[in-house]
Amino acid sequence: YVTDHVTIADLFSHRSGLPDHAGDLLEDLGYQRDYIVQHLRDQPLSPFRATYAYTNYGLTEAAVAVAKAKGVAWEDLAADVLYKPLGMGSTSSRRSDYDAAGNKAAPHVKTDGGWQVSTTENADSQSPAGGVSSTVQDLARWMRLQLADGKFEGRAVIDPAALNETRTPHYVNSPPRAPAATAGFYGLGWNVNTDPEGRLRLNHSGGFELGAATTVTLLPSEQLGIVVLTNGQPTGLPEAVAEEFFDLAQNGRETVDWLSFLGKVVPAAAASPVSKTDYAKPPAGAAPAKPNSAYTGTYGSGYYGTLTVGEQDGGLVMTVGPAGLRYPLTHFDGDVFSFASKGENAVGLSGVTFTVGGDGRAAKVVVEQLDVDGLGTFTRS
């Protein structure tokens, strides 16, 4: 039913039923766009149009479908329809253009030793959702287009009716939390809300845990907008700058300590869930592991592909995904091991549980980090 009825609007408003950030873990493992969007069909669906869950690859699939209908690649369509007409010469939907740029910001992550230069994953696979590189100057042009209802320097660039459809609430993504509170809505790629004076307020943040955080907020009735770009992992700083800007514009002063407030809220919302088990502390009296031969071999998943477990320096190493990511395994208890996750969606130490049959060999293995939607079981082949 969903296949027959799902629309571009369903995917752009994240009400298709796909689970939160479906497909992102496949990107971490090195899979490309075609494989990822084809395997979204394997995801368990929540009730169609009755649940909201943010999905980079649901939105990507919708954008790619539009480009396919036009007979062009999404990256070219975005450039031809938007970037070039607005003179956004430093904006691209291809990572190679960012890599080739001589003047660009390097991503940073915060460590115990302070801020360190990082490298974000190549986001080309989810380019429509999170793969655009740009500048504040170029994005100011895009904001002018938005505030002028599709016109730029007097020229009609985007159909105003189509543009305003993106600003129409399509789902309640933030129900009221108190009797006198207002609801928050999601349009087509926008958080759609009203401010205390009842004016339309559009907003969206984006970021990578590996070193980028951005936000944009528009108040169309006042012809006012701000975009904030940072080259650090999400800390709440861009959102705090934007909120303080609007506070000063409307109230003449900062009415809330926005950095302190959002410095707690945003990182908490952006953080990936960690395991309920502390794999750094094996239980007292932990059962010993079986010989390495019980676990070594090749396992398969219809969603994640091939996983191999091999020996190295007397221990076990798990290899998974087309990028051939290798994870040394550390024994925890019995047939349970742990590994240090990595990538954009890293969750710290996570578990690997083998099920060993009567023949003394593991028949399957469950990788905890990959099992968030029940798809993390690999069967020996």
Protein backbone atom coordinates (compact mmCIF):
# COMPACT_ATOMS: atom_id res chain seq x y z
CA TYR A 1 0.00 0.00 0.00
CA VAL A 2 2.75 2.45 0.90
CA THR A 3 4.64 1.74 -2.33
CA ASP A 4 1.50 2.51 -4.33
CA HIS A 5 0.57 5.67 -2.43
CA VAL A 6 3.74 7.34 -1.13
CA THR A 7 4.39 10.79 -2.62
CA ILE A 8 7.24 13.28 -2.89
CA ALA A 9 5.55 15.27 -0.11
CA ASP A 10 5.43 12.22 2.18
CA LEU A 11 9.17 11.76 1.85
CA PHE A 12 10.07 15.45 2.12
CA SER A 13 7.96 15.77 5.29
CA HIS A 14 9.30 12.52 6.81
CA ARG A 15 5.88 10.92 7.25
CA SER A 16 6.49 7.88 5.00
CA GLY A 17 6.82 5.47 7.93
CA LEU A 18 10.54 4.87 7.45
CA PRO A 19 12.36 4.72 10.81
CA ASP A 20 14.57 7.53 12.06
CA HIS A 21 17.65 8.07 9.83
CA ALA A 22 16.97 4.91 7.86
CA GLY A 23 19.90 4.08 5.59
CA ASP A 24 22.51 6.21 7.35
CA LEU A 25 24.35 3.17 8.74
CA LEU A 26 24.69 1.76 5.22
CA GLU A 27 26.44 4.98 4.23
CA ASP A 28 28.82 4.59 7.19
CA LEU A 29 29.76 1.15 5.86
CA GLY A 30 30.61 2.54 2.42
CA TYR A 31 27.47 1.76 0.42
CA GLN A 32 26.46 4.19 -2.31
CA ARG A 33 23.14 5.87 -3.05
CA ASP A 34 21.62 3.28 -5.41
CA TYR A 35 22.19 0.42 -2.99
CA ILE A 36 20.93 2.42 0.00
CA VAL A 37 17.67 3.64 -1.52
CA GLN A 38 16.94 0.20 -3.02
CA HIS A 39 17.32 -1.35 0.43
CA LEU A 40 15.01 1.09 2.18
CA ARG A 41 12.32 -1.43 1.26
CA ASP A 42 13.81 -3.78 3.87
CA GLN A 43 13.13 -1.34 6.69
CA PRO A 44 10.20 -1.98 9.05
CA LEU A 45 7.61 0.76 8.52
CA SER A 46 5.70 2.69 11.14
CA PRO A 47 2.09 3.65 10.31
CA PHE A 48 2.04 5.54 7.01
CA ARG A 49 1.35 9.30 7.35
CA ALA A 50 0.73 8.79 11.07
CA THR A 51 4.31 9.03 12.33
CA TYR A 52 7.21 11.43 11.86
CA ALA A 53 10.84 10.27 11.66
CA TYR A 54 13.65 12.23 10.04
CA THR A 55 15.25 10.34 7.15
CA ASN A 56 18.06 11.70 4.99
CA TYR A 57 17.59 8.88 2.50
CA GLY A 58 13.82 9.15 2.33
CA LEU A 59 14.23 12.77 1.26
CA THR A 60 17.08 11.78 -1.06
CA GLU A 61 14.89 9.20 -2.78
CA ALA A 62 12.22 11.84 -3.40
CA ALA A 63 14.71 14.33 -4.85
CA VAL A 64 16.29 11.68 -7.07
CA ALA A 65 12.84 10.70 -8.32
CA VAL A 66 12.20 14.31 -9.36
CA ALA A 67 15.53 14.47 -11.17
CA LYS A 68 14.85 11.12 -12.86
CA ALA A 69 11.55 12.47 -14.15
CA LYS A 70 13.53 15.35 -15.67
CA GLY A 71 16.06 12.96 -17.17
CA VAL A 72 19.06 14.49 -15.37
CA ALA A 73 21.19 13.84 -12.32
CA TRP A 74 20.05 15.51 -9.10
CA GLU A 75 23.34 17.37 -8.75
CA ASP A 76 22.92 18.91 -12.22
CA LEU A 77 19.26 19.71 -11.64
CA ALA A 78 20.05 21.59 -8.43
CA ALA A 79 22.75 23.59 -10.19
CA ASP A 80 20.68 24.39 -13.28
CA VAL A 81 17.44 25.28 -11.48
CA LEU A 82 18.80 27.04 -8.40
CA TYR A 83 22.54 27.64 -8.03
CA LYS A 84 23.29 29.07 -11.47
CA PRO A 85 20.21 31.35 -11.76
CA LEU A 86 21.04 32.85 -8.35
CA GLY A 87 24.75 33.28 -9.11
CA MET A 88 25.72 30.85 -6.35
CA GLY A 89 29.13 30.20 -7.85
CA SER A 90 30.61 28.64 -4.71
CA THR A 91 27.77 26.18 -4.13
CA SER A 92 27.72 22.55 -5.21
CA SER A 93 25.95 19.27 -4.51
CA ARG A 94 29.12 17.28 -5.23
CA ARG A 95 31.80 16.60 -2.62
CA SER A 96 34.53 16.74 -5.27
CA ASP A 97 33.89 20.47 -5.73
CA TYR A 98 34.37 21.10 -2.02
CA ASP A 99 37.53 18.97 -2.01
CA ALA A 100 38.94 20.88 -4.98
CA ALA A 101 38.20 24.33 -3.53
CA GLY A 102 41.30 26.26 -2.51
CA ASN A 103 39.54 28.28 0.18
CA LYS A 104 37.39 26.14 2.43
CA ALA A 105 36.74 25.43 6.07
CA ALA A 106 38.11 22.22 7.56
CA PRO A 107 35.74 20.25 9.83
CA HIS A 108 36.60 19.92 13.53
CA VAL A 109 35.55 17.66 16.38
CA LYS A 110 35.91 18.27 20.10
CA THR A 111 38.16 15.87 21.99
CA ASP A 112 39.59 15.73 25.49
CA GLY A 113 42.58 17.61 24.06
CA GLY A 114 40.45 20.36 22.53
CA TRP A 115 39.21 20.94 18.99
CA GLN A 116 40.93 18.75 16.39
CA VAL A 117 40.76 18.76 12.57
CA SER A 118 38.48 15.99 11.31
CA THR A 119 37.19 14.62 8.02
CA THR A 120 33.48 14.31 7.36
CA GLU A 121 32.21 11.36 5.41
CA ASN A 122 31.56 11.90 1.71
CA ALA A 123 27.86 12.81 1.70
CA ASP A 124 27.34 12.46 -2.06
CA SER A 125 24.99 9.50 -1.51
CA GLN A 126 22.60 11.71 0.48
CA SER A 127 23.44 14.88 -1.44
CA PRO A 128 19.86 16.25 -1.61
CA ALA A 129 19.58 16.02 2.18
CA GLY A 130 23.06 16.79 3.43
CA GLY A 131 25.62 17.04 0.66
CA VAL A 132 25.62 20.74 -0.28
CA SER A 133 28.72 22.86 0.23
CA SER A 134 28.26 26.62 0.10
CA THR A 135 29.17 29.99 1.60
CA VAL A 136 27.27 32.56 3.62
CA GLN A 137 27.38 34.89 0.61
CA ASP A 138 25.74 32.32 -1.66
CA LEU A 139 23.20 31.32 0.95
CA ALA A 140 22.29 34.97 1.46
CA ARG A 141 21.20 34.96 -2.20
CA TRP A 142 19.10 31.87 -1.54
CA MET A 143 17.50 33.57 1.49
CA ARG A 144 16.67 36.59 -0.67
CA LEU A 145 14.89 34.24 -3.08
CA GLN A 146 12.92 32.72 -0.21
CA LEU A 147 11.96 36.09 1.27
CA ALA A 148 10.89 37.37 -2.15
CA ASP A 149 8.57 34.38 -2.73
CA GLY A 150 10.62 32.92 -5.56
CA LYS A 151 11.95 36.09 -7.15
CA PHE A 152 15.59 37.17 -7.28
CA GLU A 153 16.54 40.69 -8.29
CA GLY A 154 13.12 41.07 -9.89
CA ARG A 155 13.33 37.82 -11.90
CA ALA A 156 10.90 34.96 -11.30
CA VAL A 157 13.03 31.89 -10.53
CA ILE A 158 10.68 29.59 -8.57
CA ASP A 159 6.89 29.31 -8.84
CA PRO A 160 5.61 31.09 -5.67
CA ALA A 161 2.75 28.61 -5.28
CA ALA A 162 5.19 25.71 -5.29
CA LEU A 163 7.54 27.51 -2.92
CA ASN A 164 4.75 28.26 -0.47
CA GLU A 165 3.69 24.61 -0.50
CA THR A 166 7.01 23.82 1.17
CA ARG A 167 6.02 26.19 4.00
CA THR A 168 2.63 24.58 4.61
CA PRO A 169 2.46 22.28 7.65
CA HIS A 170 2.39 18.67 6.48
CA TYR A 171 2.87 16.99 9.84
CA VAL A 172 2.85 17.78 13.55
CA ASN A 173 6.44 16.91 14.44
CA SER A 174 6.35 18.55 17.87
CA PRO A 175 3.04 18.17 19.73
CA PRO A 176 2.26 20.74 22.46
CA ARG A 177 4.04 19.88 25.71
CA ALA A 178 1.70 21.91 27.92
CA PRO A 179 -1.96 23.01 27.75
CA ALA A 180 -1.07 26.54 26.67
CA ALA A 181 1.84 25.54 24.42
CA THR A 182 1.77 25.61 20.64
CA ALA A 183 2.52 22.72 18.31
CA GLY A 184 5.50 22.53 15.97
CA PHE A 185 5.04 21.47 12.35
CA TYR A 186 7.13 20.17 9.50
CA GLY A 187 6.62 21.29 5.92
CA LEU A 188 8.65 20.13 2.93
CA GLY A 189 12.18 20.44 4.26
CA TRP A 190 11.29 23.15 6.79
CA ASN A 191 10.35 23.31 10.45
CA VAL A 192 7.21 25.42 10.14
CA ASN A 193 6.15 27.35 13.24
CA THR A 194 4.66 30.62 14.42
CA ASP A 195 6.51 33.03 16.67
CA PRO A 196 4.90 34.61 19.79
CA GLU A 197 3.38 37.32 17.56
CA GLY A 198 1.76 34.71 15.31
CA ARG A 199 4.11 35.24 12.37
CA LEU A 200 5.32 32.40 10.15
CA ARG A 201 8.80 31.26 11.18
CA LEU A 202 10.84 28.82 9.09
CA ASN A 203 13.88 27.05 10.41
CA HIS A 204 16.19 24.10 9.87
CA SER A 205 19.48 22.92 11.28
CA GLY A 206 21.90 20.39 9.86
CA GLY A 207 25.21 18.93 10.82
CA PHE A 208 27.71 16.11 10.95
CA GLU A 209 29.09 14.71 14.18
CA LEU A 210 32.39 14.50 12.33
CA GLY A 211 32.66 18.26 12.07
CA ALA A 212 29.96 20.60 10.73
CA ALA A 213 26.90 22.39 12.13
CA THR A 214 24.58 24.86 10.41
CA THR A 215 21.24 26.54 10.83
CA VAL A 216 18.95 28.88 8.89
CA THR A 217 15.92 30.80 10.18
CA LEU A 218 13.54 33.01 8.21
CA LEU A 219 10.81 35.40 9.30
CA PRO A 220 9.22 36.13 5.90
CA SER A 221 6.73 38.79 7.02
CA GLU A 222 9.63 40.90 8.31
CA GLN A 223 11.89 40.12 5.34
CA LEU A 224 14.41 38.89 7.88
CA GLY A 225 16.64 35.84 7.85
CA ILE A 226 19.96 34.51 9.09
CA VAL A 227 22.16 31.59 8.11
CA VAL A 228 24.96 30.40 10.38
CA LEU A 229 27.67 27.99 9.19
CA THR A 230 30.29 26.46 11.49
CA ASN A 231 33.07 23.94 10.92
CA GLY A 232 32.58 22.08 14.19
CA GLN A 233 30.39 19.22 15.31
CA PRO A 234 26.93 20.20 16.64
CA THR A 235 27.24 22.11 19.93
CA GLY A 236 24.25 24.46 19.72
CA LEU A 237 26.41 27.43 18.71
CA PRO A 238 24.79 28.13 15.28
CA GLU A 239 21.30 27.91 16.76
CA ALA A 240 22.30 30.20 19.64
CA VAL A 241 23.70 32.82 17.25
CA ALA A 242 20.49 32.73 15.20
CA GLU A 243 18.20 32.97 18.23
CA GLU A 244 20.20 35.85 19.70
CA PHE A 245 20.03 37.65 16.34
CA PHE A 246 16.23 37.47 16.30
CA ASP A 247 16.07 38.35 19.98
CA LEU A 248 18.07 41.52 19.37
CA ALA A 249 16.07 42.39 16.25
CA GLN A 250 12.69 41.98 17.93
CA ASN A 251 13.38 42.79 21.59
CA GLY A 252 16.54 44.86 21.51
CA ARG A 253 18.25 42.48 23.92
CA GLU A 254 18.95 38.83 24.58
CA THR A 255 16.04 37.57 26.68
CA VAL A 256 17.51 34.09 27.16
CA ASP A 257 21.08 32.86 27.61
CA TRP A 258 20.78 31.05 24.31
CA LEU A 259 24.26 29.55 24.23
CA SER A 260 23.89 27.98 27.67
CA PHE A 261 20.41 26.69 26.86
CA LEU A 262 21.02 25.40 23.34
CA GLY A 263 24.49 24.22 24.30
CA LYS A 264 22.72 21.52 26.30
CA VAL A 265 19.70 20.85 24.10
CA VAL A 266 21.33 20.49 20.67
CA PRO A 267 24.18 18.09 21.58
CA ALA A 268 21.72 15.93 23.51
CA ALA A 269 19.39 15.78 20.50
CA ALA A 270 22.23 15.09 18.05
CA ALA A 271 23.93 12.39 20.10
CA SER A 272 23.55 8.80 18.90
CA PRO A 273 22.15 6.41 21.51
CA VAL A 274 24.83 4.40 23.28
CA SER A 275 24.61 0.81 24.41
CA LYS A 276 22.91 0.02 27.70
CA THR A 277 25.82 -2.33 28.39
CA ASP A 278 29.18 -0.98 29.53
CA TYR A 279 31.46 -3.15 27.45
CA ALA A 280 34.53 -1.59 29.04
CA LYS A 281 33.70 -3.51 32.24
CA PRO A 282 33.26 -7.29 31.72
CA PRO A 283 31.11 -8.88 34.42
CA ALA A 284 32.73 -10.60 37.38
CA GLY A 285 33.10 -14.27 36.61
CA ALA A 286 32.62 -13.73 32.86
CA ALA A 287 32.38 -17.00 30.92
CA PRO A 288 35.39 -17.69 28.70
CA ALA A 289 35.19 -17.46 24.94
CA LYS A 290 35.29 -20.53 22.76
CA PRO A 291 38.24 -21.14 20.44
CA ASN A 292 38.54 -18.56 17.66
CA SER A 293 37.58 -21.23 15.12
CA ALA A 294 34.06 -21.25 16.58
CA TYR A 295 33.52 -17.71 15.39
CA THR A 296 35.64 -17.24 12.27
CA GLY A 297 33.97 -17.41 8.88
CA THR A 298 31.68 -15.51 6.52
CA TYR A 299 28.20 -14.32 7.44
CA GLY A 300 25.55 -12.58 5.35
CA SER A 301 22.67 -10.14 5.71
CA GLY A 302 20.18 -9.19 3.01
CA TYR A 303 20.45 -5.59 4.19
CA TYR A 304 24.06 -5.06 5.27
CA GLY A 305 25.72 -7.59 2.96
CA THR A 306 28.74 -9.65 3.92
CA LEU A 307 30.46 -9.78 7.30
CA THR A 308 33.61 -11.80 7.88
CA VAL A 309 35.31 -12.73 11.13
CA GLY A 310 38.99 -13.59 10.90
CA GLU A 311 41.99 -14.03 13.16
CA GLN A 312 44.74 -11.49 13.71
CA ASP A 313 47.52 -11.66 16.29
CA GLY A 314 45.62 -14.30 18.21
CA GLY A 315 42.43 -12.26 18.37
CA LEU A 316 39.35 -11.77 16.23
CA VAL A 317 38.70 -9.04 13.66
CA MET A 318 35.30 -8.28 12.11
CA THR A 319 35.19 -6.86 8.57
CA VAL A 320 31.94 -5.49 7.14
CA GLY A 321 30.68 -3.39 4.23
CA PRO A 322 32.05 -2.52 0.78
CA ALA A 323 34.59 -0.19 2.38
CA GLY A 324 36.06 -3.20 4.16
CA LEU A 325 35.91 -1.57 7.58
CA ARG A 326 37.84 -3.63 10.13
CA TYR A 327 36.92 -3.81 13.79
CA PRO A 328 39.06 -5.74 16.30
CA LEU A 329 36.82 -7.68 18.68
CA THR A 330 37.36 -7.69 22.44
CA HIS A 331 35.94 -10.52 24.50
CA PHE A 332 33.26 -9.52 27.00
CA ASP A 333 31.37 -12.55 28.27
CA GLY A 334 30.89 -16.01 26.78
CA ASP A 335 30.01 -15.60 23.12
CA VAL A 336 29.66 -11.82 23.42
CA PHE A 337 32.40 -9.47 22.18
CA SER A 338 32.65 -5.72 21.75
CA PHE A 339 34.10 -3.36 19.17
CA ALA A 340 34.80 0.35 18.96
CA SER A 341 32.32 1.83 16.48
CA LYS A 342 33.42 4.58 14.13
CA GLY A 343 32.07 6.95 11.53
CA GLU A 344 29.34 9.58 11.54
CA ASN A 345 27.00 7.39 13.59
CA ALA A 346 29.53 6.00 16.06
CA VAL A 347 28.08 4.97 19.43
CA GLY A 348 31.24 4.09 21.36
CA LEU A 349 31.68 0.44 22.34
CA SER A 350 28.99 -1.81 20.93
CA GLY A 351 28.28 -5.51 21.20
CA VAL A 352 28.71 -8.50 18.89
CA THR A 353 26.82 -11.63 19.98
CA PHE A 354 27.44 -15.02 18.38
CA THR A 355 24.98 -17.91 18.53
CA VAL A 356 26.97 -21.15 18.63
CA GLY A 357 25.31 -24.41 17.63
CA GLY A 358 25.87 -27.99 18.77
CA ASP A 359 28.67 -28.40 16.23
CA GLY A 360 30.73 -25.82 18.07
CA ARG A 361 30.48 -23.20 15.30
CA ALA A 362 28.57 -19.96 15.32
CA ALA A 363 25.51 -20.08 13.07
CA LYS A 364 24.77 -16.38 13.27
CA VAL A 365 26.00 -13.13 14.77
CA VAL A 366 24.11 -10.00 15.84
CA VAL A 367 25.90 -6.66 15.64
CA GLU A 368 24.27 -4.40 18.20
CA GLN A 369 25.01 -1.06 16.52
CA LEU A 370 23.50 -2.29 13.25
CA ASP A 371 20.47 -3.88 14.93
CA VAL A 372 18.66 -0.65 15.82
CA ASP A 373 15.84 -1.52 13.40
CA GLY A 374 16.13 -5.29 13.81
CA LEU A 375 18.29 -5.76 10.71
CA GLY A 376 21.62 -6.50 12.39
CA THR A 377 21.58 -10.31 12.25
CA PHE A 378 24.13 -12.00 9.95
CA THR A 379 23.80 -15.73 9.14
CA ARG A 380 26.79 -17.96 8.41
CA SER A 381 27.03 -18.73 4.70
